Amino acid sequence: MEIPSDVQIHNQLLGMKGTSGRLLQIADGYYELICLVGGQSHRVLLPVAGTAVIRRDPEVKTAEKIEIEL
């Protein structure tokens, strides 16, 4: 995933279910994100272990087949 990147954030502890945000970096077991909290933009640190971050833009499909050598 490219950084920075627009993402959807899922974190059960804070009740985030697809909250829009911007991933700034991943460091020391935390995601550093900017997201709206109470209608205002805040910088937050969320633990990697309890948070799912999904890139907002889907991957582009390619017509090429990828071969993996074993």
N, C-alpha and C. Protein backbone atom coordinates (compact mmCIF):
# COMPACT_ATOMS: atom_id res chain seq x y z
N MET A 1 0.85 -1.17 0.00
CA MET A 1 0.00 0.00 0.00
C MET A 1 0.90 1.23 0.00
N GLU A 2 0.55 2.17 -0.84
CA GLU A 2 1.31 3.42 -0.90
C GLU A 2 0.99 4.27 0.32
N ILE A 3 1.97 5.02 0.77
CA ILE A 3 1.79 5.91 1.91
C ILE A 3 2.23 7.30 1.47
N PRO A 4 1.44 8.34 1.65
CA PRO A 4 0.11 8.34 2.24
C PRO A 4 -0.93 7.76 1.29
N SER A 5 -2.04 7.30 1.87
CA SER A 5 -3.10 6.68 1.09
C SER A 5 -4.44 6.91 1.76
N ASP A 6 -5.49 7.13 0.95
CA ASP A 6 -6.84 7.26 1.49
C ASP A 6 -7.36 5.86 1.81
N VAL A 7 -7.90 5.69 3.02
CA VAL A 7 -8.28 4.36 3.49
C VAL A 7 -9.63 4.38 4.20
N GLN A 8 -10.15 3.18 4.42
CA GLN A 8 -11.30 2.97 5.30
C GLN A 8 -10.75 2.28 6.54
N ILE A 9 -11.19 2.73 7.72
CA ILE A 9 -10.65 2.23 8.98
C ILE A 9 -11.72 1.43 9.71
N HIS A 10 -11.34 0.25 10.19
CA HIS A 10 -12.22 -0.59 11.00
C HIS A 10 -11.51 -0.87 12.32
N ASN A 11 -12.12 -0.42 13.42
CA ASN A 11 -11.55 -0.65 14.75
C ASN A 11 -12.71 -0.82 15.72
N GLN A 12 -12.84 -2.03 16.28
CA GLN A 12 -13.98 -2.35 17.14
C GLN A 12 -13.97 -1.53 18.43
N LEU A 13 -12.81 -1.32 19.02
CA LEU A 13 -12.72 -0.59 20.28
C LEU A 13 -13.31 0.82 20.18
N LEU A 14 -13.07 1.49 19.06
CA LEU A 14 -13.59 2.86 18.87
C LEU A 14 -14.89 2.88 18.07
N GLY A 15 -15.38 1.72 17.66
CA GLY A 15 -16.63 1.66 16.91
C GLY A 15 -16.50 2.17 15.49
N MET A 16 -15.31 2.07 14.91
CA MET A 16 -15.10 2.54 13.54
C MET A 16 -15.43 1.40 12.59
N LYS A 17 -16.36 1.65 11.69
CA LYS A 17 -16.77 0.66 10.70
C LYS A 17 -16.74 1.33 9.33
N GLY A 18 -15.58 1.31 8.71
CA GLY A 18 -15.45 1.93 7.39
C GLY A 18 -15.29 3.43 7.46
N THR A 19 -14.76 3.94 8.55
CA THR A 19 -14.52 5.37 8.71
C THR A 19 -13.45 5.81 7.71
N SER A 20 -13.71 6.89 7.00
CA SER A 20 -12.74 7.42 6.04
C SER A 20 -11.58 8.07 6.76
N GLY A 21 -10.39 7.86 6.21
CA GLY A 21 -9.21 8.46 6.80
C GLY A 21 -8.06 8.46 5.82
N ARG A 22 -6.92 8.93 6.30
CA ARG A 22 -5.71 8.97 5.48
C ARG A 22 -4.57 8.34 6.27
N LEU A 23 -4.00 7.28 5.71
CA LEU A 23 -2.88 6.58 6.34
C LEU A 23 -1.61 7.38 6.08
N LEU A 24 -0.93 7.78 7.16
CA LEU A 24 0.30 8.55 7.04
C LEU A 24 1.54 7.69 7.14
N GLN A 25 1.54 6.76 8.11
CA GLN A 25 2.68 5.86 8.26
C GLN A 25 2.31 4.67 9.14
N ILE A 26 3.18 3.65 9.08
CA ILE A 26 3.05 2.48 9.94
C ILE A 26 4.38 2.37 10.69
N ALA A 27 4.33 2.44 12.03
CA ALA A 27 5.56 2.41 12.81
C ALA A 27 5.30 1.90 14.21
N ASP A 28 6.23 1.10 14.73
CA ASP A 28 6.19 0.62 16.11
C ASP A 28 4.87 -0.04 16.50
N GLY A 29 4.25 -0.77 15.56
CA GLY A 29 3.01 -1.49 15.86
C GLY A 29 1.75 -0.64 15.80
N TYR A 30 1.84 0.58 15.26
CA TYR A 30 0.69 1.48 15.17
C TYR A 30 0.54 2.04 13.77
N TYR A 31 -0.71 2.27 13.39
CA TYR A 31 -1.00 3.04 12.19
C TYR A 31 -1.13 4.50 12.63
N GLU A 32 -0.51 5.40 11.90
CA GLU A 32 -0.74 6.83 12.13
C GLU A 32 -1.68 7.30 11.03
N LEU A 33 -2.85 7.78 11.45
CA LEU A 33 -3.90 8.15 10.51
C LEU A 33 -4.46 9.53 10.83
N ILE A 34 -5.07 10.12 9.83
CA ILE A 34 -5.88 11.33 10.05
C ILE A 34 -7.31 10.94 9.72
N CYS A 35 -8.23 11.22 10.66
CA CYS A 35 -9.64 10.90 10.42
C CYS A 35 -10.51 11.90 11.17
N LEU A 36 -11.79 11.90 10.82
CA LEU A 36 -12.75 12.79 11.47
C LEU A 36 -13.22 12.18 12.78
N VAL A 37 -13.11 12.94 13.86
CA VAL A 37 -13.62 12.54 15.16
C VAL A 37 -14.41 13.73 15.68
N GLY A 38 -15.70 13.53 15.90
CA GLY A 38 -16.55 14.62 16.38
C GLY A 38 -16.64 15.77 15.39
N GLY A 39 -16.55 15.45 14.09
CA GLY A 39 -16.69 16.48 13.06
C GLY A 39 -15.41 17.26 12.79
N GLN A 40 -14.31 16.93 13.47
CA GLN A 40 -13.05 17.62 13.24
C GLN A 40 -11.97 16.62 12.88
N SER A 41 -10.99 17.08 12.14
CA SER A 41 -9.89 16.23 11.69
C SER A 41 -8.87 16.07 12.81
N HIS A 42 -8.51 14.81 13.11
CA HIS A 42 -7.55 14.51 14.17
C HIS A 42 -6.52 13.51 13.68
N ARG A 43 -5.30 13.63 14.20
CA ARG A 43 -4.25 12.64 13.96
C ARG A 43 -4.37 11.61 15.06
N VAL A 44 -4.48 10.32 14.69
CA VAL A 44 -4.66 9.26 15.68
C VAL A 44 -3.64 8.15 15.45
N LEU A 45 -3.32 7.44 16.52
CA LEU A 45 -2.50 6.24 16.46
C LEU A 45 -3.39 5.06 16.85
N LEU A 46 -3.51 4.09 15.97
CA LEU A 46 -4.32 2.90 16.25
C LEU A 46 -3.43 1.67 16.13
N PRO A 47 -3.58 0.71 17.06
CA PRO A 47 -2.73 -0.48 17.03
C PRO A 47 -3.00 -1.34 15.80
N VAL A 48 -1.93 -1.82 15.20
CA VAL A 48 -2.05 -2.70 14.03
C VAL A 48 -2.84 -3.95 14.40
N ALA A 49 -2.62 -4.48 15.61
CA ALA A 49 -3.26 -5.73 16.04
C ALA A 49 -4.79 -5.64 16.10
N GLY A 50 -5.36 -4.49 16.36
CA GLY A 50 -6.81 -4.38 16.50
C GLY A 50 -7.48 -3.54 15.44
N THR A 51 -6.76 -3.26 14.36
CA THR A 51 -7.29 -2.34 13.35
C THR A 51 -7.11 -2.91 11.96
N ALA A 52 -8.16 -2.80 11.14
CA ALA A 52 -8.07 -3.16 9.72
C ALA A 52 -8.09 -1.87 8.91
N VAL A 53 -7.17 -1.77 7.99
CA VAL A 53 -7.08 -0.59 7.12
C VAL A 53 -7.20 -1.07 5.69
N ILE A 54 -8.18 -0.55 4.97
CA ILE A 54 -8.45 -0.98 3.60
C ILE A 54 -8.29 0.23 2.68
N ARG A 55 -7.47 0.08 1.65
CA ARG A 55 -7.28 1.17 0.70
C ARG A 55 -8.61 1.46 0.01
N ARG A 56 -8.94 2.74 -0.09
CA ARG A 56 -10.24 3.14 -0.64
C ARG A 56 -10.38 2.82 -2.13
N ASP A 57 -9.29 2.97 -2.89
CA ASP A 57 -9.34 2.68 -4.33
C ASP A 57 -9.03 1.21 -4.57
N PRO A 58 -9.87 0.53 -5.36
CA PRO A 58 -9.60 -0.89 -5.64
C PRO A 58 -8.38 -1.06 -6.53
N GLU A 59 -7.81 -2.25 -6.50
CA GLU A 59 -6.68 -2.56 -7.37
C GLU A 59 -7.15 -2.61 -8.81
N VAL A 60 -6.29 -2.21 -9.72
CA VAL A 60 -6.60 -2.24 -11.14
C VAL A 60 -6.35 -3.64 -11.67
N LYS A 61 -7.36 -4.18 -12.36
CA LYS A 61 -7.22 -5.52 -12.93
C LYS A 61 -6.32 -5.44 -14.17
N THR A 62 -5.48 -6.44 -14.32
CA THR A 62 -4.63 -6.51 -15.50
C THR A 62 -4.99 -7.75 -16.30
N ALA A 63 -4.72 -7.67 -17.59
CA ALA A 63 -5.03 -8.79 -18.48
C ALA A 63 -3.92 -9.83 -18.44
N GLU A 64 -2.77 -9.47 -17.88
CA GLU A 64 -1.64 -10.39 -17.84
C GLU A 64 -1.86 -11.48 -16.80
N LYS A 65 -1.37 -12.66 -17.12
CA LYS A 65 -1.37 -13.73 -16.15
C LYS A 65 -0.03 -13.71 -15.44
N ILE A 66 -0.04 -13.85 -14.16
CA ILE A 66 1.19 -13.88 -13.40
C ILE A 66 1.56 -15.33 -13.11
N GLU A 67 2.76 -15.70 -13.51
CA GLU A 67 3.21 -17.07 -13.28
C GLU A 67 4.19 -17.08 -12.11
N ILE A 68 4.02 -18.05 -11.24
CA ILE A 68 4.91 -18.20 -10.09
C ILE A 68 5.68 -19.49 -10.27
N GLU A 69 7.01 -19.38 -10.23
CA GLU A 69 7.85 -20.57 -10.35
C GLU A 69 7.99 -21.24 -9.00
N LEU A 70 7.88 -22.55 -8.99
CA LEU A 70 8.04 -23.31 -7.75
C LEU A 70 9.35 -24.04 -7.73
